[in-house]
């Protein structure tokens, strides 16, 4: 069960409107590495988790990501900062004026609709945790790109907060992975030796290549 608190997870503001940047920021609202993707991925993955502590972790982070989604949407509203008027903005910024009425839509920076195909769910806790670690890392990278492309100090404060929360979530998922790393798909599947084999496809390969010294034979399945 969820409830809506009428206070943003972190206050947001802008120094001045910037419709062009509002379009760019849409990437973290409806993009492949955005907040909606994260929230629904972690929530969907939680449905089958048996470990109550890790299940709570997934749902807690999912709920926080929904709060981040609200922060991004409100920032986009502030950046648009004007009434519907397609003639007042550049050609790359008109979609919000002619389709969404300036409502922050579930689209990315290129105008493509959000899709559930962004969400990764395997039912295997190790695989899902690794996917989440990667998701948080990618989201951090996008926020870093966004941070570098805006001079507005207020917007930067918001992005800095969100970027650091991605780091925190990454660390939490890593801790959860450490707890379960000897389970599920992370267990050996009868190919222990094959998992340690390395084939050098580079010619010439360095003489001191540490991977060339593995003395293993291809095993048969048991």
Protein backbone atom coordinates (compact mmCIF):
# COMPACT_ATOMS: atom_id res chain seq x y z
CA UNK A 1 0.00 0.00 0.00
CA UNK A 2 1.23 3.47 -0.83
CA UNK A 3 0.22 6.90 0.33
CA UNK A 4 0.99 10.30 -1.13
CA UNK A 5 2.82 12.76 1.10
CA UNK A 6 2.16 16.33 -0.05
CA UNK A 7 5.83 17.24 0.42
CA UNK A 8 8.42 16.50 -2.23
CA UNK A 9 11.16 14.09 -1.25
CA UNK A 10 13.51 17.03 -1.71
CA UNK A 11 12.52 20.63 -2.55
CA UNK A 12 12.96 21.70 -6.18
CA UNK A 13 13.21 25.12 -7.79
CA UNK A 14 14.78 26.85 -10.79
CA UNK A 15 16.52 30.18 -11.23
CA UNK A 16 14.67 30.86 -14.48
CA UNK A 17 12.58 29.04 -17.11
CA UNK A 18 14.48 26.96 -19.66
CA UNK A 19 12.10 25.09 -22.00
CA UNK A 20 14.94 23.54 -23.97
CA UNK A 21 16.40 21.94 -20.86
CA UNK A 22 12.91 20.82 -19.82
CA UNK A 23 12.89 18.68 -22.97
CA UNK A 24 16.29 17.20 -22.10
CA UNK A 25 15.19 16.45 -18.54
CA UNK A 26 12.29 14.40 -19.91
CA UNK A 27 14.86 11.61 -20.32
CA UNK A 28 14.75 10.94 -16.58
CA UNK A 29 10.96 11.00 -16.53
CA UNK A 30 10.15 8.63 -19.38
CA UNK A 31 13.48 7.34 -20.60
CA UNK A 32 15.10 3.91 -20.50
CA UNK A 33 17.16 4.82 -17.43
CA UNK A 34 14.66 7.14 -15.81
CA UNK A 35 12.77 7.19 -12.54
CA UNK A 36 9.58 5.51 -13.76
CA UNK A 37 11.56 2.61 -15.20
CA UNK A 38 13.39 2.17 -11.89
CA UNK A 39 10.25 2.34 -9.76
CA UNK A 40 8.34 -0.21 -11.81
CA UNK A 41 11.33 -2.50 -12.26
CA UNK A 42 12.03 -2.81 -8.54
CA UNK A 43 8.35 -3.11 -7.69
CA UNK A 44 7.76 -5.80 -10.31
CA UNK A 45 10.82 -7.75 -9.19
CA UNK A 46 9.66 -7.67 -5.57
CA UNK A 47 6.51 -9.70 -6.25
CA UNK A 48 8.34 -13.04 -6.12
CA UNK A 49 11.07 -12.31 -3.57
CA UNK A 50 10.89 -14.64 -0.57
CA UNK A 51 13.48 -12.91 1.64
CA UNK A 52 11.39 -10.34 3.59
CA UNK A 53 14.33 -8.01 4.18
CA UNK A 54 15.29 -7.84 0.52
CA UNK A 55 11.64 -7.60 -0.55
CA UNK A 56 11.25 -4.54 1.68
CA UNK A 57 14.43 -3.06 0.22
CA UNK A 58 13.06 -3.38 -3.33
CA UNK A 59 9.71 -1.86 -2.40
CA UNK A 60 11.26 0.95 -0.34
CA UNK A 61 13.55 1.98 -3.18
CA UNK A 62 10.67 1.66 -5.68
CA UNK A 63 8.59 4.02 -3.54
CA UNK A 64 11.47 6.48 -3.34
CA UNK A 65 11.89 6.36 -7.12
CA UNK A 66 8.23 7.39 -7.48
CA UNK A 67 9.08 10.37 -5.28
CA UNK A 68 11.98 11.17 -7.58
CA UNK A 69 9.60 10.97 -10.54
CA UNK A 70 7.47 13.66 -8.90
CA UNK A 71 10.55 15.83 -8.36
CA UNK A 72 11.56 15.55 -12.01
CA UNK A 73 8.03 16.36 -13.19
CA UNK A 74 7.83 19.43 -10.98
CA UNK A 75 11.23 20.63 -12.19
CA UNK A 76 10.08 20.25 -15.80
CA UNK A 77 6.98 22.30 -14.98
CA UNK A 78 9.12 25.08 -13.53
CA UNK A 79 11.51 25.00 -16.47
CA UNK A 80 8.66 25.34 -18.97
CA UNK A 81 7.48 28.35 -17.01
CA UNK A 82 4.92 29.71 -19.47
CA UNK A 83 1.52 29.09 -21.03
CA UNK A 84 0.95 26.89 -24.03
CA UNK A 85 2.44 28.78 -26.95
CA UNK A 86 4.23 26.73 -29.60
CA UNK A 87 5.28 29.92 -31.42
CA UNK A 88 7.28 31.06 -28.40
CA UNK A 89 9.71 28.14 -28.40
CA UNK A 90 12.17 26.50 -30.77
CA UNK A 91 11.23 23.69 -33.12
CA UNK A 92 12.73 21.06 -30.81
CA UNK A 93 10.51 22.08 -27.91
CA UNK A 94 7.02 22.23 -29.40
CA UNK A 95 5.79 18.74 -28.52
CA UNK A 96 4.82 19.71 -24.97
CA UNK A 97 2.78 22.59 -26.40
CA UNK A 98 0.87 20.70 -29.07
CA UNK A 99 0.41 17.26 -27.48
CA UNK A 100 0.69 17.42 -23.67
CA UNK A 101 -0.38 20.96 -22.85
CA UNK A 102 2.95 21.38 -21.01
CA UNK A 103 2.18 18.39 -18.81
CA UNK A 104 5.40 16.41 -18.22
CA UNK A 105 4.54 13.33 -20.26
CA UNK A 106 5.86 9.81 -19.99
CA UNK A 107 8.22 10.33 -22.90
CA UNK A 108 11.97 10.58 -23.25
CA UNK A 109 14.01 13.52 -24.53
CA UNK A 110 13.36 12.43 -28.13
CA UNK A 111 9.59 12.25 -27.63
CA UNK A 112 9.33 8.46 -27.63
CA UNK A 113 6.78 6.98 -25.22
CA UNK A 114 7.84 5.10 -22.13
CA UNK A 115 7.56 1.34 -22.55
CA UNK A 116 7.50 -1.63 -20.20
CA UNK A 117 10.24 -3.10 -22.40
CA UNK A 118 12.63 -0.96 -20.33
CA UNK A 119 11.85 -3.11 -17.28
CA UNK A 120 14.00 -6.15 -16.49
CA UNK A 121 12.44 -8.96 -14.45
CA UNK A 122 13.85 -12.50 -14.47
CA UNK A 123 12.51 -14.08 -11.28
CA UNK A 124 16.09 -14.86 -10.29
CA UNK A 125 17.23 -12.66 -7.41
CA UNK A 126 20.91 -12.59 -8.33
CA UNK A 127 20.18 -11.67 -11.94
CA UNK A 128 17.67 -9.01 -10.92
CA UNK A 129 20.04 -7.49 -8.37
CA UNK A 130 22.81 -7.28 -10.95
CA UNK A 131 20.35 -5.64 -13.35
CA UNK A 132 19.42 -3.12 -10.66
CA UNK A 133 23.04 -2.32 -9.87
CA UNK A 134 23.59 -1.64 -13.56
CA UNK A 135 20.38 0.41 -13.76
CA UNK A 136 21.46 2.67 -10.91
CA UNK A 137 24.89 3.08 -12.50
CA UNK A 138 23.37 4.06 -15.85
CA UNK A 139 20.95 6.49 -14.20
CA UNK A 140 23.88 8.12 -12.42
CA UNK A 141 25.68 8.55 -15.75
CA UNK A 142 22.62 10.25 -17.29
CA UNK A 143 22.33 12.59 -14.31
CA UNK A 144 26.01 13.44 -14.68
CA UNK A 145 25.39 14.34 -18.33
CA UNK A 146 22.39 16.44 -17.32
CA UNK A 147 24.35 18.20 -14.57
CA UNK A 148 27.08 19.28 -16.99
CA UNK A 149 24.60 20.81 -19.43
CA UNK A 150 22.83 23.27 -17.11
CA UNK A 151 24.19 26.35 -15.34
CA UNK A 152 21.05 26.88 -13.22
CA UNK A 153 22.24 26.41 -9.62
CA UNK A 154 18.79 25.39 -8.36
CA UNK A 155 18.38 22.70 -11.01
CA UNK A 156 21.90 21.51 -10.27
CA UNK A 157 20.99 21.12 -6.59
CA UNK A 158 18.10 18.85 -7.55
CA UNK A 159 20.21 16.78 -9.92
CA UNK A 160 23.01 16.53 -7.36
CA UNK A 161 20.56 15.15 -4.80
CA UNK A 162 19.11 12.62 -7.24
CA UNK A 163 22.56 11.58 -8.46
CA UNK A 164 23.68 10.87 -4.92
CA UNK A 165 20.55 8.84 -4.22
CA UNK A 166 21.40 6.68 -7.24
CA UNK A 167 24.77 6.01 -5.61
CA UNK A 168 23.05 5.08 -2.35
CA UNK A 169 20.67 2.68 -4.09
CA UNK A 170 23.57 1.14 -5.95
CA UNK A 171 25.34 0.46 -2.64
CA UNK A 172 22.17 -1.03 -1.11
CA UNK A 173 21.66 -3.41 -4.02
CA UNK A 174 25.33 -4.44 -3.82
CA UNK A 175 24.90 -5.29 -0.15
CA UNK A 176 21.81 -7.35 -0.95
CA UNK A 177 23.72 -9.16 -3.70
CA UNK A 178 26.49 -10.01 -1.23
CA UNK A 179 23.86 -11.67 0.93
CA UNK A 180 22.51 -13.95 -1.83
CA UNK A 181 25.43 -14.28 -4.23
CA UNK A 182 25.78 -18.03 -3.61
CA UNK A 183 22.22 -18.76 -4.67
CA UNK A 184 20.10 -18.96 -7.81
CA UNK A 185 21.79 -18.35 -11.14
CA UNK A 186 25.03 -17.49 -9.38
CA UNK A 187 25.53 -21.14 -8.42
CA UNK A 188 27.65 -23.46 -10.58
CA UNK A 189 25.66 -25.32 -13.20
CA UNK A 190 27.99 -28.22 -13.79
CA UNK A 191 30.40 -26.05 -15.78
CA UNK A 192 32.79 -24.91 -13.07
CA UNK A 193 35.91 -25.40 -15.19
CA UNK A 194 34.39 -23.93 -18.34
CA UNK A 195 33.45 -20.84 -16.38
CA UNK A 196 37.18 -20.26 -15.78
CA UNK A 197 38.34 -20.77 -19.33
CA UNK A 198 39.59 -17.87 -21.42
CA UNK A 199 40.14 -17.97 -25.16
CA UNK A 200 42.62 -15.42 -26.47
CA UNK A 201 41.26 -14.13 -29.78
CA UNK A 202 43.85 -11.34 -30.00
CA UNK A 203 46.91 -11.91 -32.17
CA UNK A 204 49.55 -11.30 -31.12
CA UNK A 205 48.46 -11.70 -27.52
CA UNK A 206 50.66 -10.16 -24.80
CA UNK A 207 53.26 -12.64 -23.54
CA UNK A 208 52.35 -11.87 -19.94
CA UNK A 209 48.58 -12.22 -20.42
CA UNK A 210 47.38 -13.58 -17.07
CA UNK A 211 44.36 -15.22 -18.66
CA UNK A 212 46.41 -17.48 -20.90
CA UNK A 213 47.72 -19.50 -17.98
CA UNK A 214 44.49 -21.24 -17.05
CA UNK A 215 45.02 -24.98 -17.20
CA UNK A 216 41.45 -26.25 -17.47
CA UNK A 217 39.60 -28.68 -19.66
CA UNK A 218 36.09 -28.36 -20.98
CA UNK A 219 33.85 -30.40 -18.67
CA UNK A 220 30.78 -32.42 -19.47
CA UNK A 221 27.42 -31.72 -17.88
CA UNK A 222 26.61 -34.00 -14.95
